[in-house]
């Protein structure tokens, strides 16, 4: 029932890219209008940055736990 990890790995960047293109086509002042947190454009730019950072630190924590347990 739930989506698998490879599917989510491809689906989330595609959805965020679609949101970015939507924001670029709808917002009149696209680059400057993205600074307000009330704007949809802000979150369409924030999502592609947040996900890789979360994955990196999640894997970094997991690797630290693995190295700590095996030493």
C-alpha atoms as a PDB file:
ATOM      1  CA  UNK A   1       0.000   0.000   0.000  1.00  0.00           C
ATOM      2  CA  UNK A   2       2.808   2.400   0.884  1.00  0.00           C
ATOM      3  CA  UNK A   3       5.211   3.695  -1.714  1.00  0.00           C
ATOM      4  CA  UNK A   4       8.629   2.072  -1.765  1.00  0.00           C
ATOM      5  CA  UNK A   5      11.858   3.967  -1.146  1.00  0.00           C
ATOM      6  CA  UNK A   6      13.014   3.957  -4.817  1.00  0.00           C
ATOM      7  CA  UNK A   7       9.634   5.306  -5.856  1.00  0.00           C
ATOM      8  CA  UNK A   8       9.766   8.064  -3.249  1.00  0.00           C
ATOM      9  CA  UNK A   9      13.358   8.832  -4.224  1.00  0.00           C
ATOM     10  CA  UNK A  10      12.181   9.677  -7.724  1.00  0.00           C
ATOM     11  CA  UNK A  11       8.734  11.040  -6.868  1.00  0.00           C
ATOM     12  CA  UNK A  12       9.708  13.700  -4.313  1.00  0.00           C
ATOM     13  CA  UNK A  13      12.260  15.525  -6.521  1.00  0.00           C
ATOM     14  CA  UNK A  14       9.866  15.424  -9.473  1.00  0.00           C
ATOM     15  CA  UNK A  15       7.029  16.892  -7.410  1.00  0.00           C
ATOM     16  CA  UNK A  16       9.277  19.606  -6.011  1.00  0.00           C
ATOM     17  CA  UNK A  17      10.584  20.393  -9.498  1.00  0.00           C
ATOM     18  CA  UNK A  18       7.012  20.649 -10.764  1.00  0.00           C
ATOM     19  CA  UNK A  19       6.246  23.032  -7.880  1.00  0.00           C
ATOM     20  CA  UNK A  20       9.293  25.092  -8.752  1.00  0.00           C
ATOM     21  CA  UNK A  21       8.226  25.378 -12.399  1.00  0.00           C
ATOM     22  CA  UNK A  22       4.688  26.223 -11.295  1.00  0.00           C
ATOM     23  CA  UNK A  23       5.991  28.963  -9.012  1.00  0.00           C
ATOM     24  CA  UNK A  24       8.220  30.319 -11.758  1.00  0.00           C
ATOM     25  CA  UNK A  25       5.307  30.515 -14.168  1.00  0.00           C
ATOM     26  CA  UNK A  26       2.744  31.966 -11.714  1.00  0.00           C
ATOM     27  CA  UNK A  27       4.826  34.407  -9.639  1.00  0.00           C
ATOM     28  CA  UNK A  28       5.518  37.721 -11.350  1.00  0.00           C
ATOM     29  CA  UNK A  29       8.618  38.502  -9.290  1.00  0.00           C
ATOM     30  CA  UNK A  30       9.938  34.939  -9.098  1.00  0.00           C
ATOM     31  CA  UNK A  31      13.452  35.267  -7.688  1.00  0.00           C
ATOM     32  CA  UNK A  32      12.707  38.208  -5.394  1.00  0.00           C
ATOM     33  CA  UNK A  33       9.264  36.975  -4.296  1.00  0.00           C
ATOM     34  CA  UNK A  34      10.685  33.772  -2.831  1.00  0.00           C
ATOM     35  CA  UNK A  35      11.950  35.437   0.336  1.00  0.00           C
ATOM     36  CA  UNK A  36       8.581  35.508   2.131  1.00  0.00           C
ATOM     37  CA  UNK A  37       7.646  32.340   4.011  1.00  0.00           C
ATOM     38  CA  UNK A  38       4.003  32.922   3.068  1.00  0.00           C
ATOM     39  CA  UNK A  39       4.867  32.361  -0.591  1.00  0.00           C
ATOM     40  CA  UNK A  40       4.485  28.984  -2.260  1.00  0.00           C
ATOM     41  CA  UNK A  41       7.699  29.727  -4.132  1.00  0.00           C
ATOM     42  CA  UNK A  42       9.686  29.738  -0.880  1.00  0.00           C
ATOM     43  CA  UNK A  43       8.682  26.174  -0.060  1.00  0.00           C
ATOM     44  CA  UNK A  44       9.197  24.928  -3.606  1.00  0.00           C
ATOM     45  CA  UNK A  45      12.799  26.120  -3.311  1.00  0.00           C
ATOM     46  CA  UNK A  46      13.209  24.863   0.260  1.00  0.00           C
ATOM     47  CA  UNK A  47      12.064  21.285  -0.369  1.00  0.00           C
ATOM     48  CA  UNK A  48      14.792  20.256  -2.867  1.00  0.00           C
ATOM     49  CA  UNK A  49      17.426  21.560  -0.453  1.00  0.00           C
ATOM     50  CA  UNK A  50      15.965  20.064   2.722  1.00  0.00           C
ATOM     51  CA  UNK A  51      15.556  16.475   1.534  1.00  0.00           C
ATOM     52  CA  UNK A  52      19.216  15.771   0.572  1.00  0.00           C
ATOM     53  CA  UNK A  53      20.419  17.441   3.766  1.00  0.00           C
ATOM     54  CA  UNK A  54      18.061  15.276   5.833  1.00  0.00           C
ATOM     55  CA  UNK A  55      19.158  12.107   4.030  1.00  0.00           C
ATOM     56  CA  UNK A  56      22.837  12.990   4.478  1.00  0.00           C
ATOM     57  CA  UNK A  57      22.543  13.582   8.218  1.00  0.00           C
ATOM     58  CA  UNK A  58      20.321  10.550   8.690  1.00  0.00           C
ATOM     59  CA  UNK A  59      22.911   8.343   6.984  1.00  0.00           C
ATOM     60  CA  UNK A  60      25.725  10.078   8.900  1.00  0.00           C
ATOM     61  CA  UNK A  61      23.970   9.295  12.203  1.00  0.00           C
ATOM     62  CA  UNK A  62      23.339   5.704  11.161  1.00  0.00           C
ATOM     63  CA  UNK A  63      26.986   5.260  10.154  1.00  0.00           C
ATOM     64  CA  UNK A  64      28.121   6.731  13.471  1.00  0.00           C
ATOM     65  CA  UNK A  65      25.929   4.297  15.379  1.00  0.00           C
ATOM     66  CA  UNK A  66      27.249   1.384  13.308  1.00  0.00           C
ATOM     67  CA  UNK A  67      30.878   2.387  13.841  1.00  0.00           C
ATOM     68  CA  UNK A  68      30.310   2.905  17.561  1.00  0.00           C
ATOM     69  CA  UNK A  69      28.696  -0.514  18.016  1.00  0.00           C
ATOM     70  CA  UNK A  70      31.370  -2.430  16.073  1.00  0.00           C
ATOM     71  CA  UNK A  71      34.447  -0.889  17.677  1.00  0.00           C
END
